[in-house]
């Protein structure tokens, strides 16, 4: 698409330089946004050094860095989390938190995020809350699919990860009131 636009812009150099200037400004802004998105994607893919900080320390650091990238205020409460988790539980927990934060970044206009882990009912409870625009979790499209913006590949993956560990996911929200994701495993 950009290559074809450049062909058109070459014609505008002489014919319509003002329009070309506007197009180049739009391109510059689009590139800025794409670079920011790429940086977010690279950050999300990089492994945390849990050996250096321990799982809870590494997770805490990851949440604060992610929040900082998005200009969010973050509150993290890991004080009631078990001191040790199995590697499988650590990996699942990290991916659940990562996807919840990514959802808030993609779909919400959040300014605050809260993440807590606690040992509850013989398992681990992960709660991620944001102050975003909210949605109706029960709303359905004409084809029967949820239309809330959260039922996409990422949320489906969260549900599958939790189901594999006999866990469950609950999403609480309403329009204008933010959202809360509760995972138990």
Protein backbone atom coordinates (compact mmCIF):
# COMPACT_ATOMS: atom_id res chain seq x y z
CA UNK A 1 0.00 0.00 0.00
CA UNK A 2 2.74 2.45 0.93
CA UNK A 3 4.67 1.64 -2.26
CA UNK A 4 1.60 2.44 -4.37
CA UNK A 5 1.05 5.66 -2.42
CA UNK A 6 4.66 6.69 -3.11
CA UNK A 7 4.02 6.23 -6.85
CA UNK A 8 1.08 8.62 -6.51
CA UNK A 9 3.11 11.06 -4.40
CA UNK A 10 5.74 11.28 -7.10
CA UNK A 11 3.05 12.73 -9.37
CA UNK A 12 2.09 15.24 -6.68
CA UNK A 13 5.61 16.66 -6.33
CA UNK A 14 4.92 19.11 -9.15
CA UNK A 15 1.11 18.96 -9.36
CA UNK A 16 -0.03 19.22 -5.74
CA UNK A 17 2.84 19.81 -3.27
CA UNK A 18 0.49 20.84 -0.43
CA UNK A 19 -1.43 17.55 -0.65
CA UNK A 20 1.90 15.71 -0.72
CA UNK A 21 2.97 17.54 2.47
CA UNK A 22 -0.25 16.43 4.20
CA UNK A 23 0.24 12.84 3.06
CA UNK A 24 3.82 12.83 4.34
CA UNK A 25 2.68 14.19 7.72
CA UNK A 26 0.09 11.40 7.92
CA UNK A 27 2.77 8.87 7.01
CA UNK A 28 5.07 10.24 9.70
CA UNK A 29 2.33 9.89 12.34
CA UNK A 30 1.44 6.37 11.16
CA UNK A 31 5.10 5.34 11.37
CA UNK A 32 5.37 6.74 14.91
CA UNK A 33 2.35 4.68 15.97
CA UNK A 34 3.69 1.55 14.25
CA UNK A 35 7.08 1.96 15.95
CA UNK A 36 5.38 2.32 19.35
CA UNK A 37 3.31 -0.81 18.68
CA UNK A 38 6.41 -2.71 17.59
CA UNK A 39 8.23 -1.66 20.76
CA UNK A 40 5.27 -2.86 22.84
CA UNK A 41 5.27 -6.18 20.98
CA UNK A 42 9.01 -6.66 21.49
CA UNK A 43 8.65 -5.81 25.18
CA UNK A 44 5.80 -8.32 25.55
CA UNK A 45 7.83 -11.08 23.90
CA UNK A 46 11.02 -10.67 25.85
CA UNK A 47 11.39 -13.16 28.66
CA UNK A 48 11.60 -11.81 32.16
CA UNK A 49 14.66 -12.78 34.12
CA UNK A 50 12.83 -14.64 36.86
CA UNK A 51 16.08 -16.32 37.95
CA UNK A 52 17.49 -12.94 38.93
CA UNK A 53 14.41 -11.49 40.64
CA UNK A 54 12.41 -14.61 41.48
CA UNK A 55 8.98 -15.12 39.97
CA UNK A 56 7.11 -12.59 42.11
CA UNK A 57 9.86 -9.97 41.83
CA UNK A 58 10.08 -10.45 38.06
CA UNK A 59 6.30 -10.31 37.68
CA UNK A 60 6.13 -7.15 39.79
CA UNK A 61 8.82 -5.55 37.65
CA UNK A 62 7.09 -6.62 34.42
CA UNK A 63 3.75 -5.10 35.53
CA UNK A 64 5.36 -1.78 36.51
CA UNK A 65 7.35 -1.58 33.25
CA UNK A 66 4.26 -2.40 31.18
CA UNK A 67 2.22 0.21 33.04
CA UNK A 68 5.00 2.77 32.56
CA UNK A 69 5.01 2.18 28.81
CA UNK A 70 1.31 3.04 28.70
CA UNK A 71 1.41 5.94 31.13
CA UNK A 72 -0.72 4.08 33.67
CA UNK A 73 -0.58 4.27 37.40
CA UNK A 74 -0.12 0.74 38.70
CA UNK A 75 -0.89 -0.89 42.00
CA UNK A 76 0.56 -4.36 42.49
CA UNK A 77 -0.27 -6.55 45.49
CA UNK A 78 1.61 -9.83 45.60
CA UNK A 79 1.77 -9.99 49.41
CA UNK A 80 -0.78 -12.83 49.68
CA UNK A 81 0.70 -14.91 46.86
CA UNK A 82 2.35 -18.21 47.71
CA UNK A 83 6.11 -17.90 48.15
CA UNK A 84 6.75 -20.64 45.59
CA UNK A 85 4.84 -21.91 42.58
CA UNK A 86 5.55 -24.72 40.16
CA UNK A 87 7.15 -23.69 36.85
CA UNK A 88 3.90 -24.54 35.06
CA UNK A 89 1.88 -22.37 37.42
CA UNK A 90 4.39 -19.53 37.07
CA UNK A 91 4.19 -19.71 33.26
CA UNK A 92 0.40 -19.79 33.22
CA UNK A 93 0.14 -16.96 35.75
CA UNK A 94 2.57 -14.80 33.79
CA UNK A 95 0.68 -15.35 30.51
CA UNK A 96 -2.66 -14.56 32.18
CA UNK A 97 -1.34 -11.28 33.60
CA UNK A 98 0.40 -10.45 30.31
CA UNK A 99 -2.78 -11.01 28.28
CA UNK A 100 -4.95 -9.04 30.71
CA UNK A 101 -2.57 -6.08 30.51
CA UNK A 102 -2.40 -6.37 26.73
CA UNK A 103 -6.22 -6.37 26.56
CA UNK A 104 -6.33 -3.22 28.67
CA UNK A 105 -3.74 -1.59 26.40
CA UNK A 106 -5.55 -2.55 23.18
CA UNK A 107 -9.20 -2.14 24.12
CA UNK A 108 -9.37 0.16 27.10
CA UNK A 109 -8.60 3.77 27.64
CA UNK A 110 -7.24 2.99 31.07
CA UNK A 111 -5.12 5.26 33.23
CA UNK A 112 -4.89 2.91 36.22
CA UNK A 113 -4.31 -0.80 36.59
CA UNK A 114 -4.35 -3.02 39.66
CA UNK A 115 -2.92 -6.53 39.77
CA UNK A 116 -3.11 -8.87 42.73
CA UNK A 117 -2.23 -12.50 43.37
CA UNK A 118 -3.43 -14.42 46.38
CA UNK A 119 -3.68 -17.95 47.66
CA UNK A 120 -7.43 -18.58 47.74
CA UNK A 121 -9.67 -21.65 48.05
CA UNK A 122 -6.79 -24.07 47.59
CA UNK A 123 -5.56 -22.34 44.46
CA UNK A 124 -4.12 -19.14 43.09
CA UNK A 125 -6.35 -16.16 42.33
CA UNK A 126 -5.14 -13.53 39.86
CA UNK A 127 -7.13 -10.30 39.62
CA UNK A 128 -6.42 -7.59 37.08
CA UNK A 129 -8.56 -4.45 37.24
CA UNK A 130 -8.50 -1.35 35.08
CA UNK A 131 -10.47 1.88 35.07
CA UNK A 132 -11.22 1.73 31.36
CA UNK A 133 -14.39 2.50 29.48
CA UNK A 134 -16.01 -0.83 30.37
CA UNK A 135 -18.37 -2.96 28.33
CA UNK A 136 -21.34 -5.28 28.67
CA UNK A 137 -19.87 -8.78 29.03
CA UNK A 138 -23.17 -10.40 28.06
CA UNK A 139 -23.72 -8.40 24.90
CA UNK A 140 -23.89 -10.57 21.76
CA UNK A 141 -23.58 -9.78 18.08
CA UNK A 142 -26.14 -10.99 15.55
CA UNK A 143 -23.98 -14.09 14.89
CA UNK A 144 -24.08 -15.03 18.59
CA UNK A 145 -20.47 -14.11 19.35
CA UNK A 146 -19.63 -11.81 22.22
CA UNK A 147 -19.16 -8.25 20.97
CA UNK A 148 -17.38 -6.79 23.95
CA UNK A 149 -13.91 -6.56 22.41
CA UNK A 150 -12.54 -9.03 24.94
CA UNK A 151 -13.68 -12.24 23.24
CA UNK A 152 -10.83 -12.46 20.79
CA UNK A 153 -7.86 -14.76 20.39
CA UNK A 154 -6.11 -13.49 23.53
CA UNK A 155 -9.08 -14.06 25.80
CA UNK A 156 -9.76 -17.43 24.24
CA UNK A 157 -6.12 -18.37 24.92
CA UNK A 158 -6.49 -17.27 28.54
CA UNK A 159 -9.58 -19.47 28.92
CA UNK A 160 -7.79 -22.43 27.29
CA UNK A 161 -4.70 -22.01 29.51
CA UNK A 162 -6.87 -21.95 32.58
CA UNK A 163 -9.02 -24.89 31.45
CA UNK A 164 -5.85 -26.96 30.97
CA UNK A 165 -5.03 -26.31 34.65
CA UNK A 166 -8.66 -26.83 35.75
CA UNK A 167 -9.00 -23.12 36.36
CA UNK A 168 -11.59 -20.58 35.39
CA UNK A 169 -11.84 -17.01 34.18
CA UNK A 170 -14.48 -14.45 35.08
CA UNK A 171 -14.74 -11.02 33.47
CA UNK A 172 -16.69 -8.36 35.37
CA UNK A 173 -17.54 -5.06 33.71
CA UNK A 174 -20.24 -2.65 32.70
CA UNK A 175 -20.13 0.31 30.32
CA UNK A 176 -18.35 3.28 31.87
CA UNK A 177 -17.18 1.34 34.93
CA UNK A 178 -13.94 -0.36 33.98
CA UNK A 179 -13.25 -4.08 33.88
CA UNK A 180 -11.95 -6.76 36.17
CA UNK A 181 -10.57 -10.10 35.11
CA UNK A 182 -10.48 -12.83 37.75
CA UNK A 183 -8.58 -16.01 37.10
CA UNK A 184 -8.43 -18.92 39.50
CA UNK A 185 -6.16 -21.87 39.03
